[in-house]
PDB file of all heavy atoms in Angstrom:
ATOM      1  N   LEU A   1     -15.931  -5.692  25.515  1.00  0.00           N
ATOM      2  CA  LEU A   1     -15.230  -6.746  24.822  1.00  0.00           C
ATOM      3  C   LEU A   1     -14.382  -7.450  25.872  1.00  0.00           C
ATOM      4  O   LEU A   1     -13.593  -6.817  26.576  1.00  0.00           O
ATOM      5  CB  LEU A   1     -14.301  -6.144  23.740  1.00  0.00           C
ATOM      6  CG  LEU A   1     -13.353  -7.124  23.061  1.00  0.00           C
ATOM      7  CD1 LEU A   1     -14.102  -8.191  22.280  1.00  0.00           C
ATOM      8  CD2 LEU A   1     -12.392  -6.362  22.141  1.00  0.00           C
ATOM      9  N   VAL A   2     -14.569  -8.768  26.022  1.00  0.00           N
ATOM     10  CA  VAL A   2     -13.853  -9.536  27.025  1.00  0.00           C
ATOM     11  C   VAL A   2     -12.977 -10.556  26.296  1.00  0.00           C
ATOM     12  O   VAL A   2     -13.471 -11.331  25.481  1.00  0.00           O
ATOM     13  CB  VAL A   2     -14.843 -10.280  27.977  1.00  0.00           C
ATOM     14  CG1 VAL A   2     -14.070 -11.046  29.058  1.00  0.00           C
ATOM     15  CG2 VAL A   2     -15.839  -9.319  28.573  1.00  0.00           C
ATOM     16  N   VAL A   3     -11.657 -10.521  26.609  1.00  0.00           N
ATOM     17  CA  VAL A   3     -10.711 -11.468  25.995  1.00  0.00           C
ATOM     18  C   VAL A   3      -9.751 -11.937  27.089  1.00  0.00           C
ATOM     19  O   VAL A   3      -9.552 -11.251  28.096  1.00  0.00           O
ATOM     20  CB  VAL A   3      -9.928 -10.864  24.833  1.00  0.00           C
ATOM     21  CG1 VAL A   3     -10.832 -10.505  23.677  1.00  0.00           C
ATOM     22  CG2 VAL A   3      -9.119  -9.658  25.277  1.00  0.00           C
ATOM     23  N   ASP A   4      -9.134 -13.098  26.868  1.00  0.00           N
ATOM     24  CA  ASP A   4      -8.079 -13.503  27.785  1.00  0.00           C
ATOM     25  C   ASP A   4      -6.748 -12.975  27.262  1.00  0.00           C
ATOM     26  O   ASP A   4      -6.621 -12.666  26.074  1.00  0.00           O
ATOM     27  CB  ASP A   4      -8.053 -15.009  27.980  1.00  0.00           C
ATOM     28  CG  ASP A   4      -7.300 -15.716  26.891  1.00  0.00           C
ATOM     29  OD1 ASP A   4      -7.624 -15.496  25.714  1.00  0.00           O
ATOM     30  OD2 ASP A   4      -6.383 -16.492  27.210  1.00  0.00           O
ATOM     31  N   ALA A   5      -5.791 -12.837  28.162  1.00  0.00           N
ATOM     32  CA  ALA A   5      -4.491 -12.304  27.777  1.00  0.00           C
ATOM     33  C   ALA A   5      -3.369 -13.038  28.506  1.00  0.00           C
ATOM     34  O   ALA A   5      -2.481 -12.440  29.065  1.00  0.00           O
ATOM     35  CB  ALA A   5      -4.426 -10.797  28.065  1.00  0.00           C
ATOM     36  N   ILE A   6      -3.460 -14.357  28.524  1.00  0.00           N
ATOM     37  CA  ILE A   6      -2.431 -15.162  29.166  1.00  0.00           C
ATOM     38  C   ILE A   6      -1.101 -14.938  28.434  1.00  0.00           C
ATOM     39  O   ILE A   6      -0.069 -14.751  29.054  1.00  0.00           O
ATOM     40  CB  ILE A   6      -2.804 -16.674  29.126  1.00  0.00           C
ATOM     41  CG1 ILE A   6      -4.038 -16.928  29.959  1.00  0.00           C
ATOM     42  CG2 ILE A   6      -1.611 -17.521  29.611  1.00  0.00           C
ATOM     43  CD1 ILE A   6      -3.880 -16.699  31.425  1.00  0.00           C
ATOM     44  N   HIS A   7      -1.137 -14.974  27.124  1.00  0.00           N
ATOM     45  CA  HIS A   7       0.039 -14.733  26.304  1.00  0.00           C
ATOM     46  C   HIS A   7      -0.073 -13.313  25.755  1.00  0.00           C
ATOM     47  O   HIS A   7      -0.938 -12.544  26.155  1.00  0.00           O
ATOM     48  CB  HIS A   7       0.099 -15.754  25.172  1.00  0.00           C
ATOM     49  CG  HIS A   7       0.113 -17.158  25.657  1.00  0.00           C
ATOM     50  ND1 HIS A   7       1.214 -17.740  26.260  1.00  0.00           N
ATOM     51  CD2 HIS A   7      -0.846 -18.106  25.676  1.00  0.00           C
ATOM     52  CE1 HIS A   7       0.943 -18.974  26.608  1.00  0.00           C
ATOM     53  NE2 HIS A   7      -0.298 -19.220  26.272  1.00  0.00           N
ATOM     54  N   HIS A   8       0.791 -12.980  24.845  1.00  0.00           N
ATOM     55  CA  HIS A   8       0.687 -11.664  24.181  1.00  0.00           C
ATOM     56  C   HIS A   8      -0.501 -11.706  23.230  1.00  0.00           C
ATOM     57  O   HIS A   8      -0.640 -12.631  22.425  1.00  0.00           O
ATOM     58  CB  HIS A   8       1.950 -11.375  23.375  1.00  0.00           C
ATOM     59  CG  HIS A   8       3.169 -11.251  24.231  1.00  0.00           C
ATOM     60  ND1 HIS A   8       3.489 -10.091  24.884  1.00  0.00           N
ATOM     61  CD2 HIS A   8       4.137 -12.135  24.536  1.00  0.00           C
ATOM     62  CE1 HIS A   8       4.605 -10.260  25.557  1.00  0.00           C
ATOM     63  NE2 HIS A   8       5.025 -11.504  25.379  1.00  0.00           N
ATOM     64  N   VAL A   9      -1.368 -10.705  23.305  1.00  0.00           N
ATOM     65  CA  VAL A   9      -2.497 -10.557  22.397  1.00  0.00           C
ATOM     66  C   VAL A   9      -2.368  -9.203  21.718  1.00  0.00           C
ATOM     67  O   VAL A   9      -2.236  -8.187  22.401  1.00  0.00           O
ATOM     68  CB  VAL A   9      -3.854 -10.649  23.161  1.00  0.00           C
ATOM     69  CG1 VAL A   9      -5.022 -10.364  22.222  1.00  0.00           C
ATOM     70  CG2 VAL A   9      -4.009 -12.023  23.806  1.00  0.00           C
ATOM     71  N   TYR A  10      -2.367  -9.209  20.411  1.00  0.00           N
ATOM     72  CA  TYR A  10      -2.286  -7.990  19.636  1.00  0.00           C
ATOM     73  C   TYR A  10      -3.568  -7.846  18.822  1.00  0.00           C
ATOM     74  O   TYR A  10      -3.935  -8.731  18.067  1.00  0.00           O
ATOM     75  CB  TYR A  10      -1.071  -7.997  18.713  1.00  0.00           C
ATOM     76  CG  TYR A  10       0.232  -7.742  19.428  1.00  0.00           C
ATOM     77  CD1 TYR A  10       0.931  -8.768  20.042  1.00  0.00           C
ATOM     78  CD2 TYR A  10       0.760  -6.454  19.506  1.00  0.00           C
ATOM     79  CE1 TYR A  10       2.112  -8.540  20.707  1.00  0.00           C
ATOM     80  CE2 TYR A  10       1.942  -6.199  20.188  1.00  0.00           C
ATOM     81  CZ  TYR A  10       2.620  -7.250  20.770  1.00  0.00           C
ATOM     82  OH  TYR A  10       3.788  -6.999  21.443  1.00  0.00           O
ATOM     83  N   ILE A  11      -4.223  -6.709  18.973  1.00  0.00           N
ATOM     84  CA  ILE A  11      -5.472  -6.415  18.274  1.00  0.00           C
ATOM     85  C   ILE A  11      -5.269  -5.129  17.502  1.00  0.00           C
ATOM     86  O   ILE A  11      -4.767  -4.143  18.041  1.00  0.00           O
ATOM     87  CB  ILE A  11      -6.644  -6.221  19.279  1.00  0.00           C
ATOM     88  CG1 ILE A  11      -6.819  -7.462  20.155  1.00  0.00           C
ATOM     89  CG2 ILE A  11      -7.927  -5.883  18.556  1.00  0.00           C
ATOM     90  CD1 ILE A  11      -7.800  -7.272  21.306  1.00  0.00           C
ATOM     91  N   ASP A  12      -5.652  -5.132  16.214  1.00  0.00           N
ATOM     92  CA  ASP A  12      -5.482  -3.888  15.488  1.00  0.00           C
ATOM     93  C   ASP A  12      -6.809  -3.149  15.270  1.00  0.00           C
ATOM     94  O   ASP A  12      -6.794  -1.949  14.993  1.00  0.00           O
ATOM     95  CB  ASP A  12      -4.731  -4.060  14.168  1.00  0.00           C
ATOM     96  CG  ASP A  12      -5.513  -4.810  13.107  1.00  0.00           C
ATOM     97  OD1 ASP A  12      -6.483  -5.486  13.432  1.00  0.00           O
ATOM     98  OD2 ASP A  12      -5.131  -4.726  11.924  1.00  0.00           O
ATOM     99  N   GLU A  13      -7.922  -3.827  15.420  1.00  0.00           N
ATOM    100  CA  GLU A  13      -9.192  -3.105  15.227  1.00  0.00           C
ATOM    101  C   GLU A  13     -10.344  -3.903  15.828  1.00  0.00           C
ATOM    102  O   GLU A  13     -10.339  -5.127  15.836  1.00  0.00           O
ATOM    103  CB  GLU A  13      -9.447  -2.880  13.743  1.00  0.00           C
ATOM    104  CG  GLU A  13     -10.377  -1.742  13.442  1.00  0.00           C
ATOM    105  CD  GLU A  13      -9.865  -0.369  13.867  1.00  0.00           C
ATOM    106  OE1 GLU A  13      -8.645  -0.164  13.989  1.00  0.00           O
ATOM    107  OE2 GLU A  13     -10.713   0.498  14.101  1.00  0.00           O
ATOM    108  N   PHE A  14     -11.305  -3.141  16.353  1.00  0.00           N
ATOM    109  CA  PHE A  14     -12.565  -3.707  16.863  1.00  0.00           C
ATOM    110  C   PHE A  14     -13.671  -2.907  16.210  1.00  0.00           C
ATOM    111  O   PHE A  14     -13.725  -1.689  16.344  1.00  0.00           O
ATOM    112  CB  PHE A  14     -12.626  -3.585  18.381  1.00  0.00           C
ATOM    113  CG  PHE A  14     -13.962  -3.963  18.970  1.00  0.00           C
ATOM    114  CD1 PHE A  14     -14.406  -5.271  18.924  1.00  0.00           C
ATOM    115  CD2 PHE A  14     -14.785  -3.007  19.540  1.00  0.00           C
ATOM    116  CE1 PHE A  14     -15.645  -5.635  19.446  1.00  0.00           C
ATOM    117  CE2 PHE A  14     -16.012  -3.367  20.084  1.00  0.00           C
ATOM    118  CZ  PHE A  14     -16.431  -4.668  20.029  1.00  0.00           C
ATOM    119  N   GLU A  15     -14.552  -3.590  15.458  1.00  0.00           N
ATOM    120  CA  GLU A  15     -15.665  -2.912  14.813  1.00  0.00           C
ATOM    121  C   GLU A  15     -16.961  -3.450  15.404  1.00  0.00           C
ATOM    122  O   GLU A  15     -17.091  -4.654  15.644  1.00  0.00           O
ATOM    123  CB  GLU A  15     -15.661  -3.191  13.311  1.00  0.00           C
ATOM    124  CG  GLU A  15     -14.516  -2.571  12.563  1.00  0.00           C
ATOM    125  CD  GLU A  15     -14.626  -2.844  11.071  1.00  0.00           C
ATOM    126  OE1 GLU A  15     -15.669  -2.506  10.467  1.00  0.00           O
ATOM    127  OE2 GLU A  15     -13.665  -3.415  10.520  1.00  0.00           O
ATOM    128  N   LEU A  16     -17.915  -2.578  15.578  1.00  0.00           N
ATOM    129  CA  LEU A  16     -19.229  -2.933  16.101  1.00  0.00           C
ATOM    130  C   LEU A  16     -20.232  -2.584  15.036  1.00  0.00           C
ATOM    131  O   LEU A  16     -20.168  -1.519  14.409  1.00  0.00           O
ATOM    132  CB  LEU A  16     -19.489  -2.126  17.377  1.00  0.00           C
ATOM    133  CG  LEU A  16     -20.640  -2.557  18.253  1.00  0.00           C
ATOM    134  CD1 LEU A  16     -20.465  -3.981  18.746  1.00  0.00           C
ATOM    135  CD2 LEU A  16     -20.756  -1.612  19.439  1.00  0.00           C
ATOM    136  N   PHE A  17     -21.193  -3.475  14.780  1.00  0.00           N
ATOM    137  CA  PHE A  17     -22.183  -3.279  13.707  1.00  0.00           C
ATOM    138  C   PHE A  17     -23.568  -3.079  14.302  1.00  0.00           C
ATOM    139  O   PHE A  17     -23.909  -3.665  15.328  1.00  0.00           O
ATOM    140  CB  PHE A  17     -22.196  -4.462  12.749  1.00  0.00           C
ATOM    141  CG  PHE A  17     -20.847  -4.769  12.176  1.00  0.00           C
ATOM    142  CD1 PHE A  17     -20.252  -5.993  12.396  1.00  0.00           C
ATOM    143  CD2 PHE A  17     -20.167  -3.832  11.433  1.00  0.00           C
ATOM    144  CE1 PHE A  17     -18.993  -6.277  11.886  1.00  0.00           C
ATOM    145  CE2 PHE A  17     -18.909  -4.090  10.908  1.00  0.00           C
ATOM    146  CZ  PHE A  17     -18.333  -5.336  11.126  1.00  0.00           C
ATOM    147  N   GLY A  18     -24.353  -2.249  13.651  1.00  0.00           N
ATOM    148  CA  GLY A  18     -25.701  -1.992  14.082  1.00  0.00           C
ATOM    149  C   GLY A  18     -26.243  -0.734  13.421  1.00  0.00           C
ATOM    150  O   GLY A  18     -25.783  -0.333  12.353  1.00  0.00           O
ATOM    151  N   CYS A  19     -27.206  -0.119  14.091  1.00  0.00           N
ATOM    152  CA  CYS A  19     -27.811   1.105  13.551  1.00  0.00           C
ATOM    153  C   CYS A  19     -28.274   2.009  14.697  1.00  0.00           C
ATOM    154  O   CYS A  19     -28.277   1.584  15.857  1.00  0.00           O
ATOM    155  CB  CYS A  19     -28.967   0.769  12.632  1.00  0.00           C
ATOM    156  SG  CYS A  19     -30.338  -0.085  13.440  1.00  0.00           S
ATOM    157  N   THR A  20     -28.649   3.207  14.361  1.00  0.00           N
ATOM    158  CA  THR A  20     -29.073   4.157  15.398  1.00  0.00           C
ATOM    159  C   THR A  20     -30.562   4.079  15.700  1.00  0.00           C
ATOM    160  O   THR A  20     -31.013   4.630  16.699  1.00  0.00           O
ATOM    161  CB  THR A  20     -28.720   5.609  14.980  1.00  0.00           C
ATOM    162  OG1 THR A  20     -29.316   5.879  13.713  1.00  0.00           O
ATOM    163  CG2 THR A  20     -27.209   5.783  14.892  1.00  0.00           C
ATOM    164  N   ASP A  21     -31.317   3.393  14.855  1.00  0.00           N
ATOM    165  CA  ASP A  21     -32.755   3.247  15.094  1.00  0.00           C
ATOM    166  C   ASP A  21     -32.990   2.119  16.106  1.00  0.00           C
ATOM    167  O   ASP A  21     -32.775   0.961  15.794  1.00  0.00           O
ATOM    168  CB  ASP A  21     -33.491   2.959  13.798  1.00  0.00           C
ATOM    169  CG  ASP A  21     -34.985   2.822  13.968  1.00  0.00           C
ATOM    170  OD1 ASP A  21     -35.516   3.106  15.065  1.00  0.00           O
ATOM    171  OD2 ASP A  21     -35.655   2.414  12.986  1.00  0.00           O
ATOM    172  N   VAL A  22     -33.421   2.451  17.313  1.00  0.00           N
ATOM    173  CA  VAL A  22     -33.626   1.452  18.350  1.00  0.00           C
ATOM    174  C   VAL A  22     -35.097   1.086  18.541  1.00  0.00           C
ATOM    175  O   VAL A  22     -35.433   0.315  19.432  1.00  0.00           O
ATOM    176  CB  VAL A  22     -33.015   1.899  19.700  1.00  0.00           C
ATOM    177  CG1 VAL A  22     -31.512   2.044  19.583  1.00  0.00           C
ATOM    178  CG2 VAL A  22     -33.661   3.189  20.193  1.00  0.00           C
ATOM    179  N   SER A  23     -35.971   1.618  17.689  1.00  0.00           N
ATOM    180  CA  SER A  23     -37.394   1.320  17.853  1.00  0.00           C
ATOM    181  C   SER A  23     -37.654  -0.172  17.644  1.00  0.00           C
ATOM    182  O   SER A  23     -37.181  -0.783  16.699  1.00  0.00           O
ATOM    183  CB  SER A  23     -38.234   2.152  16.870  1.00  0.00           C
ATOM    184  OG  SER A  23     -37.818   1.936  15.543  1.00  0.00           O
ATOM    185  N   GLY A  24     -38.356  -0.749  18.603  1.00  0.00           N
ATOM    186  CA  GLY A  24     -38.679  -2.171  18.561  1.00  0.00           C
ATOM    187  C   GLY A  24     -37.562  -3.098  18.965  1.00  0.00           C
ATOM    188  O   GLY A  24     -37.724  -4.323  18.898  1.00  0.00           O
ATOM    189  N   VAL A  25     -36.440  -2.574  19.349  1.00  0.00           N
ATOM    190  CA  VAL A  25     -35.289  -3.417  19.734  1.00  0.00           C
ATOM    191  C   VAL A  25     -35.303  -3.594  21.245  1.00  0.00           C
ATOM    192  O   VAL A  25     -35.530  -2.646  22.004  1.00  0.00           O
ATOM    193  CB  VAL A  25     -33.956  -2.756  19.287  1.00  0.00           C
ATOM    194  CG1 VAL A  25     -32.769  -3.596  19.731  1.00  0.00           C
ATOM    195  CG2 VAL A  25     -33.947  -2.589  17.772  1.00  0.00           C
ATOM    196  N   ARG A  26     -35.057  -4.802  21.705  1.00  0.00           N
ATOM    197  CA  ARG A  26     -35.132  -5.109  23.129  1.00  0.00           C
ATOM    198  C   ARG A  26     -33.912  -4.580  23.880  1.00  0.00           C
ATOM    199  O   ARG A  26     -32.820  -4.438  23.318  1.00  0.00           O
ATOM    200  CB  ARG A  26     -35.271  -6.595  23.364  1.00  0.00           C
ATOM    201  CG  ARG A  26     -34.008  -7.383  23.048  1.00  0.00           C
ATOM    202  CD  ARG A  26     -34.162  -8.863  23.428  1.00  0.00           C
ATOM    203  NE  ARG A  26     -32.934  -9.588  23.187  1.00  0.00           N
ATOM    204  CZ  ARG A  26     -31.914  -9.634  24.042  1.00  0.00           C
ATOM    205  NH1 ARG A  26     -31.964  -8.983  25.168  1.00  0.00           N
ATOM    206  NH2 ARG A  26     -30.817 -10.323  23.748  1.00  0.00           N
ATOM    207  N   ALA A  27     -34.108  -4.292  25.143  1.00  0.00           N
ATOM    208  CA  ALA A  27     -33.009  -3.877  26.025  1.00  0.00           C
ATOM    209  C   ALA A  27     -32.308  -5.131  26.546  1.00  0.00           C
ATOM    210  O   ALA A  27     -32.917  -6.193  26.651  1.00  0.00           O
ATOM    211  CB  ALA A  27     -33.550  -3.060  27.192  1.00  0.00           C
ATOM    212  N   PRO A  28     -31.038  -5.025  26.889  1.00  0.00           N
ATOM    213  CA  PRO A  28     -30.327  -6.179  27.467  1.00  0.00           C
ATOM    214  C   PRO A  28     -30.936  -6.601  28.796  1.00  0.00           C
ATOM    215  O   PRO A  28     -31.419  -5.757  29.555  1.00  0.00           O
ATOM    216  CB  PRO A  28     -28.907  -5.658  27.686  1.00  0.00           C
ATOM    217  CG  PRO A  28     -28.780  -4.435  26.857  1.00  0.00           C
ATOM    218  CD  PRO A  28     -30.161  -3.872  26.739  1.00  0.00           C
ATOM    219  N   ILE A  29     -30.928  -7.899  29.027  1.00  0.00           N
ATOM    220  CA  ILE A  29     -31.363  -8.409  30.322  1.00  0.00           C
ATOM    221  C   ILE A  29     -30.125  -8.884  31.077  1.00  0.00           C
ATOM    222  O   ILE A  29     -29.182  -9.384  30.465  1.00  0.00           O
ATOM    223  CB  ILE A  29     -32.381  -9.561  30.162  1.00  0.00           C
ATOM    224  CG1 ILE A  29     -31.811 -10.672  29.271  1.00  0.00           C
ATOM    225  CG2 ILE A  29     -33.683  -9.063  29.602  1.00  0.00           C
ATOM    226  CD1 ILE A  29     -32.635 -11.914  29.213  1.00  0.00           C
ATOM    227  N   GLY A  30     -30.104  -8.681  32.345  1.00  0.00           N
ATOM    228  CA  GLY A  30     -28.940  -9.110  33.138  1.00  0.00           C
ATOM    229  C   GLY A  30     -28.776 -10.609  33.100  1.00  0.00           C
ATOM    230  O   GLY A  30     -29.752 -11.342  33.035  1.00  0.00           O
ATOM    231  N   ASP A  31     -27.542 -11.068  33.089  1.00  0.00           N
ATOM    232  CA  ASP A  31     -27.293 -12.499  33.185  1.00  0.00           C
ATOM    233  C   ASP A  31     -26.259 -12.751  34.267  1.00  0.00           C
ATOM    234  O   ASP A  31     -25.562 -11.825  34.693  1.00  0.00           O
ATOM    235  CB  ASP A  31     -26.889 -13.111  31.836  1.00  0.00           C
ATOM    236  CG  ASP A  31     -25.607 -12.532  31.262  1.00  0.00           C
ATOM    237  OD1 ASP A  31     -24.682 -12.198  32.025  1.00  0.00           O
ATOM    238  OD2 ASP A  31     -25.516 -12.428  30.031  1.00  0.00           O
ATOM    239  N   ASP A  32     -26.188 -13.970  34.714  1.00  0.00           N
ATOM    240  CA  ASP A  32     -25.248 -14.308  35.786  1.00  0.00           C
ATOM    241  C   ASP A  32     -24.030 -15.045  35.257  1.00  0.00           C
ATOM    242  O   ASP A  32     -23.326 -15.706  36.018  1.00  0.00           O
ATOM    243  CB  ASP A  32     -25.952 -15.112  36.877  1.00  0.00           C
ATOM    244  CG  ASP A  32     -26.551 -16.403  36.335  1.00  0.00           C
ATOM    245  OD1 ASP A  32     -26.503 -16.630  35.111  1.00  0.00           O
ATOM    246  OD2 ASP A  32     -27.057 -17.188  37.146  1.00  0.00           O
ATOM    247  N   LYS A  33     -23.758 -14.921  33.968  1.00  0.00           N
ATOM    248  CA  LYS A  33     -22.577 -15.580  33.398  1.00  0.00           C
ATOM    249  C   LYS A  33     -21.319 -14.894  33.947  1.00  0.00           C
ATOM    250  O   LYS A  33     -21.278 -13.667  34.032  1.00  0.00           O
ATOM    251  CB  LYS A  33     -22.594 -15.493  31.884  1.00  0.00           C
ATOM    252  CG  LYS A  33     -23.680 -16.299  31.235  1.00  0.00           C
ATOM    253  CD  LYS A  33     -23.570 -16.239  29.738  1.00  0.00           C
ATOM    254  CE  LYS A  33     -24.635 -17.093  29.095  1.00  0.00           C
ATOM    255  NZ  LYS A  33     -24.530 -17.096  27.629  1.00  0.00           N
ATOM    256  N   PRO A  34     -20.305 -15.668  34.297  1.00  0.00           N
ATOM    257  CA  PRO A  34     -19.063 -15.029  34.755  1.00  0.00           C
ATOM    258  C   PRO A  34     -18.431 -14.246  33.617  1.00  0.00           C
ATOM    259  O   PRO A  34     -18.511 -14.650  32.455  1.00  0.00           O
ATOM    260  CB  PRO A  34     -18.182 -16.203  35.197  1.00  0.00           C
ATOM    261  CG  PRO A  34     -18.759 -17.391  34.497  1.00  0.00           C
ATOM    262  CD  PRO A  34     -20.223 -17.116  34.273  1.00  0.00           C
ATOM    263  N   ILE A  35     -17.813 -13.129  33.959  1.00  0.00           N
ATOM    264  CA  ILE A  35     -17.175 -12.327  32.931  1.00  0.00           C
ATOM    265  C   ILE A  35     -15.966 -13.061  32.368  1.00  0.00           C
ATOM    266  O   ILE A  35     -15.795 -13.164  31.166  1.00  0.00           O
ATOM    267  CB  ILE A  35     -16.767 -10.934  33.473  1.00  0.00           C
ATOM    268  CG1 ILE A  35     -18.026 -10.131  33.819  1.00  0.00           C
ATOM    269  CG2 ILE A  35     -15.921 -10.182  32.449  1.00  0.00           C
ATOM    270  CD1 ILE A  35     -17.733  -8.782  34.440  1.00  0.00           C
ATOM    271  N   PHE A  36     -15.115 -13.581  33.253  1.00  0.00           N
ATOM    272  CA  PHE A  36     -13.891 -14.243  32.811  1.00  0.00           C
ATOM    273  C   PHE A  36     -14.059 -15.757  32.822  1.00  0.00           C
ATOM    274  O   PHE A  36     -14.720 -16.294  33.707  1.00  0.00           O
ATOM    275  CB  PHE A  36     -12.715 -13.872  33.706  1.00  0.00           C
ATOM    276  CG  PHE A  36     -12.345 -12.418  33.651  1.00  0.00           C
ATOM    277  CD1 PHE A  36     -12.617 -11.582  34.710  1.00  0.00           C
ATOM    278  CD2 PHE A  36     -11.725 -11.907  32.528  1.00  0.00           C
ATOM    279  CE1 PHE A  36     -12.282 -10.247  34.645  1.00  0.00           C
ATOM    280  CE2 PHE A  36     -11.378 -10.575  32.462  1.00  0.00           C
ATOM    281  CZ  PHE A  36     -11.660  -9.729  33.519  1.00  0.00           C
ATOM    282  N   ASN A  37     -13.460 -16.429  31.859  1.00  0.00           N
ATOM    283  CA  ASN A  37     -13.424 -17.879  31.866  1.00  0.00           C
ATOM    284  C   ASN A  37     -12.285 -18.351  32.752  1.00  0.00           C
ATOM    285  O   ASN A  37     -11.272 -17.684  32.855  1.00  0.00           O
ATOM    286  CB  ASN A  37     -13.193 -18.414  30.459  1.00  0.00           C
ATOM    287  CG  ASN A  37     -14.403 -18.283  29.571  1.00  0.00           C
ATOM    288  OD1 ASN A  37     -15.360 -17.608  29.920  1.00  0.00           O
ATOM    289  ND2 ASN A  37     -14.370 -18.909  28.421  1.00  0.00           N
ATOM    290  N   GLU A  38     -12.475 -19.487  33.386  1.00  0.00           N
ATOM    291  CA  GLU A  38     -11.424 -20.089  34.177  1.00  0.00           C
ATOM    292  C   GLU A  38     -10.932 -21.327  33.452  1.00  0.00           C
ATOM    293  O   GLU A  38     -11.714 -22.136  32.998  1.00  0.00           O
ATOM    294  CB  GLU A  38     -11.939 -20.486  35.567  1.00  0.00           C
ATOM    295  CG  GLU A  38     -12.381 -19.303  36.411  1.00  0.00           C
ATOM    296  CD  GLU A  38     -11.241 -18.348  36.764  1.00  0.00           C
ATOM    297  OE1 GLU A  38     -10.082 -18.815  36.847  1.00  0.00           O
ATOM    298  OE2 GLU A  38     -11.524 -17.153  36.905  1.00  0.00           O
ATOM    299  N   PHE A  39      -9.626 -21.433  33.338  1.00  0.00           N
ATOM    300  CA  PHE A  39      -9.011 -22.605  32.690  1.00  0.00           C
ATOM    301  C   PHE A  39      -8.260 -23.391  33.733  1.00  0.00           C
ATOM    302  O   PHE A  39      -7.716 -22.812  34.663  1.00  0.00           O
ATOM    303  CB  PHE A  39      -8.057 -22.167  31.576  1.00  0.00           C
ATOM    304  CG  PHE A  39      -8.742 -21.567  30.403  1.00  0.00           C
ATOM    305  CD1 PHE A  39      -8.890 -20.195  30.283  1.00  0.00           C
ATOM    306  CD2 PHE A  39      -9.273 -22.368  29.415  1.00  0.00           C
ATOM    307  CE1 PHE A  39      -9.541 -19.638  29.205  1.00  0.00           C
ATOM    308  CE2 PHE A  39      -9.927 -21.840  28.325  1.00  0.00           C
ATOM    309  CZ  PHE A  39     -10.052 -20.466  28.216  1.00  0.00           C
ATOM    310  N   PRO A  40      -8.218 -24.722  33.605  1.00  0.00           N
ATOM    311  CA  PRO A  40      -7.461 -25.509  34.586  1.00  0.00           C
ATOM    312  C   PRO A  40      -5.987 -25.179  34.505  1.00  0.00           C
ATOM    313  O   PRO A  40      -5.464 -24.824  33.459  1.00  0.00           O
ATOM    314  CB  PRO A  40      -7.743 -26.953  34.157  1.00  0.00           C
ATOM    315  CG  PRO A  40      -8.192 -26.871  32.741  1.00  0.00           C
ATOM    316  CD  PRO A  40      -8.812 -25.521  32.566  1.00  0.00           C
ATOM    317  N   SER A  41      -5.299 -25.318  35.647  1.00  0.00           N
ATOM    318  CA  SER A  41      -3.852 -25.101  35.675  1.00  0.00           C
ATOM    319  C   SER A  41      -3.174 -26.186  34.851  1.00  0.00           C
ATOM    320  O   SER A  41      -3.614 -27.326  34.826  1.00  0.00           O
ATOM    321  CB  SER A  41      -3.329 -25.149  37.101  1.00  0.00           C
ATOM    322  OG  SER A  41      -3.905 -24.136  37.864  1.00  0.00           O
TER     323      SER A  41
END
């Protein structure tokens, strides 16, 4: 989970949805997207 924290960030819960059956489900492919976003000053 990637978030910015320039100011105060309060999170009370993170839920992930899915199932345990992985048959027929694709594996992740690598990407070259930057992890963090850059904002102008």
